[in-house]
PDB file of N, CA and C in Angstrom:
ATOM      1  N   MET A   1       0.814  -0.153  -8.608  1.00  0.00           N
ATOM      2  CA  MET A   1       0.383   0.778  -7.596  1.00  0.00           C
ATOM      3  C   MET A   1       0.627   0.164  -6.227  1.00  0.00           C
ATOM      4  N   VAL A   2       1.052   0.989  -5.296  1.00  0.00           N
ATOM      5  CA  VAL A   2       1.223   0.559  -3.906  1.00  0.00           C
ATOM      6  C   VAL A   2       0.630   1.608  -2.972  1.00  0.00           C
ATOM      7  N   LEU A   3       0.312   1.153  -1.782  1.00  0.00           N
ATOM      8  CA  LEU A   3      -0.092   2.052  -0.709  1.00  0.00           C
ATOM      9  C   LEU A   3       1.074   2.148   0.260  1.00  0.00           C
ATOM     10  N   LYS A   4       1.288   3.349   0.789  1.00  0.00           N
ATOM     11  CA  LYS A   4       2.377   3.525   1.754  1.00  0.00           C
ATOM     12  C   LYS A   4       1.817   3.926   3.105  1.00  0.00           C
ATOM     13  N   GLY A   5       2.543   3.491   4.118  1.00  0.00           N
ATOM     14  CA  GLY A   5       2.204   3.843   5.489  1.00  0.00           C
ATOM     15  C   GLY A   5       3.488   3.930   6.283  1.00  0.00           C
ATOM     16  N   SER A   6       3.360   3.935   7.591  1.00  0.00           N
ATOM     17  CA  SER A   6       4.529   4.064   8.455  1.00  0.00           C
ATOM     18  C   SER A   6       4.701   2.825   9.315  1.00  0.00           C
ATOM     19  N   ASP A   7       5.946   2.501   9.546  1.00  0.00           N
ATOM     20  CA  ASP A   7       6.329   1.466  10.502  1.00  0.00           C
ATOM     21  C   ASP A   7       7.356   2.135  11.408  1.00  0.00           C
ATOM     22  N   GLY A   8       6.844   2.774  12.442  1.00  0.00           N
ATOM     23  CA  GLY A   8       7.721   3.620  13.244  1.00  0.00           C
ATOM     24  C   GLY A   8       8.071   4.852  12.434  1.00  0.00           C
ATOM     25  N   ARG A   9       9.356   5.066  12.197  1.00  0.00           N
ATOM     26  CA  ARG A   9       9.802   6.224  11.411  1.00  0.00           C
ATOM     27  C   ARG A   9       9.985   5.890   9.941  1.00  0.00           C
ATOM     28  N   ARG A  10       9.894   4.608   9.592  1.00  0.00           N
ATOM     29  CA  ARG A  10      10.109   4.199   8.192  1.00  0.00           C
ATOM     30  C   ARG A  10       8.821   4.300   7.385  1.00  0.00           C
ATOM     31  N   ARG A  11       8.951   4.732   6.125  1.00  0.00           N
ATOM     32  CA  ARG A  11       7.828   4.695   5.186  1.00  0.00           C
ATOM     33  C   ARG A  11       7.905   3.356   4.474  1.00  0.00           C
ATOM     34  N   VAL A  12       6.828   2.571   4.534  1.00  0.00           N
ATOM     35  CA  VAL A  12       6.834   1.223   3.973  1.00  0.00           C
ATOM     36  C   VAL A  12       5.612   0.977   3.106  1.00  0.00           C
ATOM     37  N   VAL A  13       5.728  -0.037   2.262  1.00  0.00           N
ATOM     38  CA  VAL A  13       4.610  -0.500   1.446  1.00  0.00           C
ATOM     39  C   VAL A  13       3.637  -1.236   2.365  1.00  0.00           C
ATOM     40  N   THR A  14       2.367  -0.815   2.358  1.00  0.00           N
ATOM     41  CA  THR A  14       1.357  -1.494   3.168  1.00  0.00           C
ATOM     42  C   THR A  14       0.444  -2.367   2.319  1.00  0.00           C
ATOM     43  N   ALA A  15       0.419  -2.135   1.003  1.00  0.00           N
ATOM     44  CA  ALA A  15      -0.350  -2.960   0.070  1.00  0.00           C
ATOM     45  C   ALA A  15       0.233  -2.744  -1.322  1.00  0.00           C
ATOM     46  N   ALA A  16       0.135  -3.768  -2.158  1.00  0.00           N
ATOM     47  CA  ALA A  16       0.645  -3.670  -3.531  1.00  0.00           C
ATOM     48  C   ALA A  16      -0.279  -4.451  -4.456  1.00  0.00           C
ATOM     49  N   ASP A  17      -0.508  -3.908  -5.642  1.00  0.00           N
ATOM     50  CA  ASP A  17      -1.338  -4.640  -6.598  1.00  0.00           C
ATOM     51  C   ASP A  17      -0.539  -5.794  -7.201  1.00  0.00           C
ATOM     52  N   ASP A  18      -1.225  -6.643  -7.963  1.00  0.00           N
ATOM     53  CA  ASP A  18      -0.584  -7.827  -8.542  1.00  0.00           C
ATOM     54  C   ASP A  18       0.620  -7.466  -9.405  1.00  0.00           C
ATOM     55  N   PHE A  19       0.495  -6.411 -10.205  1.00  0.00           N
ATOM     56  CA  PHE A  19       1.591  -6.039 -11.101  1.00  0.00           C
ATOM     57  C   PHE A  19       2.822  -5.603 -10.307  1.00  0.00           C
ATOM     58  N   ALA A  20       2.617  -4.790  -9.276  1.00  0.00           N
ATOM     59  CA  ALA A  20       3.744  -4.352  -8.440  1.00  0.00           C
ATOM     60  C   ALA A  20       4.419  -5.558  -7.784  1.00  0.00           C
ATOM     61  N   ARG A  21       3.603  -6.488  -7.285  1.00  0.00           N
ATOM     62  CA  ARG A  21       4.182  -7.696  -6.670  1.00  0.00           C
ATOM     63  C   ARG A  21       4.959  -8.516  -7.684  1.00  0.00           C
ATOM     64  N   SER A  22       4.484  -8.548  -8.929  1.00  0.00           N
ATOM     65  CA  SER A  22       5.200  -9.309  -9.965  1.00  0.00           C
ATOM     66  C   SER A  22       6.560  -8.685 -10.283  1.00  0.00           C
ATOM     67  N   LEU A  23       6.733  -7.404  -9.933  1.00  0.00           N
ATOM     68  CA  LEU A  23       7.999  -6.709 -10.159  1.00  0.00           C
ATOM     69  C   LEU A  23       8.924  -6.791  -8.947  1.00  0.00           C
ATOM     70  N   GLY A  24       8.504  -7.539  -7.918  1.00  0.00           N
ATOM     71  CA  GLY A  24       9.356  -7.749  -6.762  1.00  0.00           C
ATOM     72  C   GLY A  24       9.032  -6.904  -5.552  1.00  0.00           C
ATOM     73  N   ILE A  25       7.967  -6.137  -5.609  1.00  0.00           N
ATOM     74  CA  ILE A  25       7.592  -5.295  -4.471  1.00  0.00           C
ATOM     75  C   ILE A  25       6.781  -6.131  -3.481  1.00  0.00           C
ATOM     76  N   ALA A  26       7.069  -5.958  -2.202  1.00  0.00           N
ATOM     77  CA  ALA A  26       6.393  -6.727  -1.165  1.00  0.00           C
ATOM     78  C   ALA A  26       5.929  -5.807  -0.040  1.00  0.00           C
ATOM     79  N   VAL A  27       4.856  -6.212   0.621  1.00  0.00           N
ATOM     80  CA  VAL A  27       4.367  -5.484   1.787  1.00  0.00           C
ATOM     81  C   VAL A  27       5.464  -5.489   2.851  1.00  0.00           C
ATOM     82  N   GLY A  28       5.680  -4.337   3.454  1.00  0.00           N
ATOM     83  CA  GLY A  28       6.720  -4.180   4.467  1.00  0.00           C
ATOM     84  C   GLY A  28       8.030  -3.643   3.916  1.00  0.00           C
ATOM     85  N   MET A  29       8.176  -3.658   2.594  1.00  0.00           N
ATOM     86  CA  MET A  29       9.390  -3.146   1.952  1.00  0.00           C
ATOM     87  C   MET A  29       9.450  -1.628   2.115  1.00  0.00           C
ATOM     88  N   PRO A  30      10.620  -1.084   2.380  1.00  0.00           N
ATOM     89  CA  PRO A  30      10.737   0.378   2.429  1.00  0.00           C
ATOM     90  C   PRO A  30      10.340   1.002   1.081  1.00  0.00           C
ATOM     91  N   ILE A  31       9.655   2.125   1.137  1.00  0.00           N
ATOM     92  CA  ILE A  31       9.208   2.815  -0.084  1.00  0.00           C
ATOM     93  C   ILE A  31      10.402   3.159  -0.980  1.00  0.00           C
ATOM     94  N   ALA A  32      11.515   3.574  -0.387  1.00  0.00           N
ATOM     95  CA  ALA A  32      12.699   3.927  -1.191  1.00  0.00           C
ATOM     96  C   ALA A  32      13.175   2.729  -2.010  1.00  0.00           C
ATOM     97  N   LYS A  33      13.147   1.550  -1.435  1.00  0.00           N
ATOM     98  CA  LYS A  33      13.572   0.356  -2.167  1.00  0.00           C
ATOM     99  C   LYS A  33      12.573   0.026  -3.280  1.00  0.00           C
ATOM    100  N   ALA A  34      11.288   0.169  -2.996  1.00  0.00           N
ATOM    101  CA  ALA A  34      10.260  -0.082  -4.003  1.00  0.00           C
ATOM    102  C   ALA A  34      10.428   0.876  -5.185  1.00  0.00           C
ATOM    103  N   GLN A  35      10.716   2.147  -4.879  1.00  0.00           N
ATOM    104  CA  GLN A  35      10.926   3.132  -5.944  1.00  0.00           C
ATOM    105  C   GLN A  35      12.175   2.816  -6.745  1.00  0.00           C
ATOM    106  N   ALA A  36      13.184   2.254  -6.108  1.00  0.00           N
ATOM    107  CA  ALA A  36      14.403   1.879  -6.833  1.00  0.00           C
ATOM    108  C   ALA A  36      14.131   0.722  -7.785  1.00  0.00           C
ATOM    109  N   LEU A  37      13.218  -0.176  -7.407  1.00  0.00           N
ATOM    110  CA  LEU A  37      12.875  -1.306  -8.267  1.00  0.00           C
ATOM    111  C   LEU A  37      12.017  -0.885  -9.454  1.00  0.00           C
ATOM    112  N   VAL A  38      11.084   0.049  -9.205  1.00  0.00           N
ATOM    113  CA  VAL A  38      10.120   0.472 -10.239  1.00  0.00           C
ATOM    114  C   VAL A  38      10.175   1.991 -10.315  1.00  0.00           C
ATOM    115  N   ASN A  39      10.783   2.478 -11.354  1.00  0.00           N
ATOM    116  CA  ASN A  39      11.047   3.913 -11.500  1.00  0.00           C
ATOM    117  C   ASN A  39       9.785   4.770 -11.478  1.00  0.00           C
ATOM    118  N   ASP A  40       8.719   4.345 -12.162  1.00  0.00           N
ATOM    119  CA  ASP A  40       7.504   5.163 -12.253  1.00  0.00           C
ATOM    120  C   ASP A  40       6.378   4.590 -11.394  1.00  0.00           C
ATOM    121  N   LEU A  41       6.722   4.082 -10.237  1.00  0.00           N
ATOM    122  CA  LEU A  41       5.768   3.467  -9.318  1.00  0.00           C
ATOM    123  C   LEU A  41       4.729   4.488  -8.858  1.00  0.00           C
ATOM    124  N   HIS A  42       3.455   4.090  -8.911  1.00  0.00           N
ATOM    125  CA  HIS A  42       2.359   4.945  -8.449  1.00  0.00           C
ATOM    126  C   HIS A  42       2.136   4.646  -6.972  1.00  0.00           C
ATOM    127  N   ILE A  43       2.339   5.645  -6.115  1.00  0.00           N
ATOM    128  CA  ILE A  43       2.264   5.472  -4.660  1.00  0.00           C
ATOM    129  C   ILE A  43       1.144   6.343  -4.096  1.00  0.00           C
ATOM    130  N   LEU A  44       0.268   5.720  -3.332  1.00  0.00           N
ATOM    131  CA  LEU A  44      -0.813   6.438  -2.658  1.00  0.00           C
ATOM    132  C   LEU A  44      -0.676   6.246  -1.154  1.00  0.00           C
ATOM    133  N   ASP A  45      -1.143   7.225  -0.392  1.00  0.00           N
ATOM    134  CA  ASP A  45      -1.137   7.104   1.066  1.00  0.00           C
ATOM    135  C   ASP A  45      -2.195   6.098   1.503  1.00  0.00           C
ATOM    136  N   ALA A  46      -1.816   5.193   2.378  1.00  0.00           N
ATOM    137  CA  ALA A  46      -2.785   4.274   2.972  1.00  0.00           C
ATOM    138  C   ALA A  46      -3.655   5.054   3.947  1.00  0.00           C
ATOM    139  N   ASN A  47      -4.896   4.629   4.072  1.00  0.00           N
ATOM    140  CA  ASN A  47      -5.814   5.265   5.013  1.00  0.00           C
ATOM    141  C   ASN A  47      -6.620   4.166   5.701  1.00  0.00           C
ATOM    142  N   PRO A  48      -6.023   3.491   6.679  1.00  0.00           N
ATOM    143  CA  PRO A  48      -6.688   2.357   7.327  1.00  0.00           C
ATOM    144  C   PRO A  48      -8.039   2.702   7.946  1.00  0.00           C
ATOM    145  N   ASP A  49      -8.185   3.894   8.508  1.00  0.00           N
ATOM    146  CA  ASP A  49      -9.469   4.271   9.115  1.00  0.00           C
ATOM    147  C   ASP A  49     -10.571   4.354   8.067  1.00  0.00           C
ATOM    148  N   ALA A  50     -10.271   4.952   6.915  1.00  0.00           N
ATOM    149  CA  ALA A  50     -11.258   5.049   5.842  1.00  0.00           C
ATOM    150  C   ALA A  50     -11.569   3.668   5.274  1.00  0.00           C
ATOM    151  N   ASP A  51     -10.564   2.809   5.168  1.00  0.00           N
ATOM    152  CA  ASP A  51     -10.800   1.442   4.683  1.00  0.00           C
ATOM    153  C   ASP A  51     -11.741   0.700   5.616  1.00  0.00           C
ATOM    154  N   LEU A  52     -11.501   0.805   6.906  1.00  0.00           N
ATOM    155  CA  LEU A  52     -12.354   0.143   7.891  1.00  0.00           C
ATOM    156  C   LEU A  52     -13.775   0.684   7.829  1.00  0.00           C
ATOM    157  N   ASP A  53     -13.918   1.988   7.673  1.00  0.00           N
ATOM    158  CA  ASP A  53     -15.233   2.601   7.557  1.00  0.00           C
ATOM    159  C   ASP A  53     -15.951   2.083   6.311  1.00  0.00           C
ATOM    160  N   GLY A  54     -15.233   2.007   5.193  1.00  0.00           N
ATOM    161  CA  GLY A  54     -15.831   1.503   3.949  1.00  0.00           C
ATOM    162  C   GLY A  54     -16.259   0.051   4.070  1.00  0.00           C
ATOM    163  N   LEU A  55     -15.442  -0.763   4.712  1.00  0.00           N
ATOM    164  CA  LEU A  55     -15.816  -2.165   4.916  1.00  0.00           C
ATOM    165  C   LEU A  55     -17.056  -2.271   5.802  1.00  0.00           C
ATOM    166  N   GLY A  56     -17.127  -1.430   6.820  1.00  0.00           N
ATOM    167  CA  GLY A  56     -18.299  -1.419   7.694  1.00  0.00           C
ATOM    168  C   GLY A  56     -19.557  -1.065   6.933  1.00  0.00           C
ATOM    169  N   ARG A  57     -19.466  -0.100   6.019  1.00  0.00           N
ATOM    170  CA  ARG A  57     -20.635   0.269   5.209  1.00  0.00           C
ATOM    171  C   ARG A  57     -21.037  -0.862   4.287  1.00  0.00           C
ATOM    172  N   LEU A  58     -20.070  -1.568   3.719  1.00  0.00           N
ATOM    173  CA  LEU A  58     -20.387  -2.714   2.861  1.00  0.00           C
ATOM    174  C   LEU A  58     -21.118  -3.798   3.638  1.00  0.00           C
ATOM    175  N   ILE A  59     -20.680  -4.051   4.838  1.00  0.00           N
ATOM    176  CA  ILE A  59     -21.320  -5.080   5.665  1.00  0.00           C
ATOM    177  C   ILE A  59     -22.768  -4.688   5.966  1.00  0.00           C
ATOM    178  N   ARG A  60     -23.002  -3.417   6.260  1.00  0.00           N
ATOM    179  CA  ARG A  60     -24.369  -2.971   6.573  1.00  0.00           C
ATOM    180  C   ARG A  60     -25.271  -3.005   5.350  1.00  0.00           C
ATOM    181  N   ILE A  61     -24.708  -2.816   4.167  1.00  0.00           N
ATOM    182  CA  ILE A  61     -25.496  -2.814   2.933  1.00  0.00           C
ATOM    183  C   ILE A  61     -25.937  -4.233   2.591  1.00  0.00           C
ATOM    184  N   ASN A  62     -25.048  -5.177   2.785  1.00  0.00           N
ATOM    185  CA  ASN A  62     -25.361  -6.556   2.388  1.00  0.00           C
ATOM    186  C   ASN A  62     -26.087  -7.227   3.477  1.00  0.00           C
TER     187      ASN A  62
END
């Protein structure tokens, strides 16, 4: 599984799980290249604002 985001006009990998990384996928790689490496790659949209909000809630809980 990878998360995708934008780097200017390019769609890029913003995060990848251990298995995806073991297959050669790296953060910053274009999504098209990642899909060429792994045919059935599971891609989700990154949501940095929601991630930051979730981390903030975790900090307040602990």
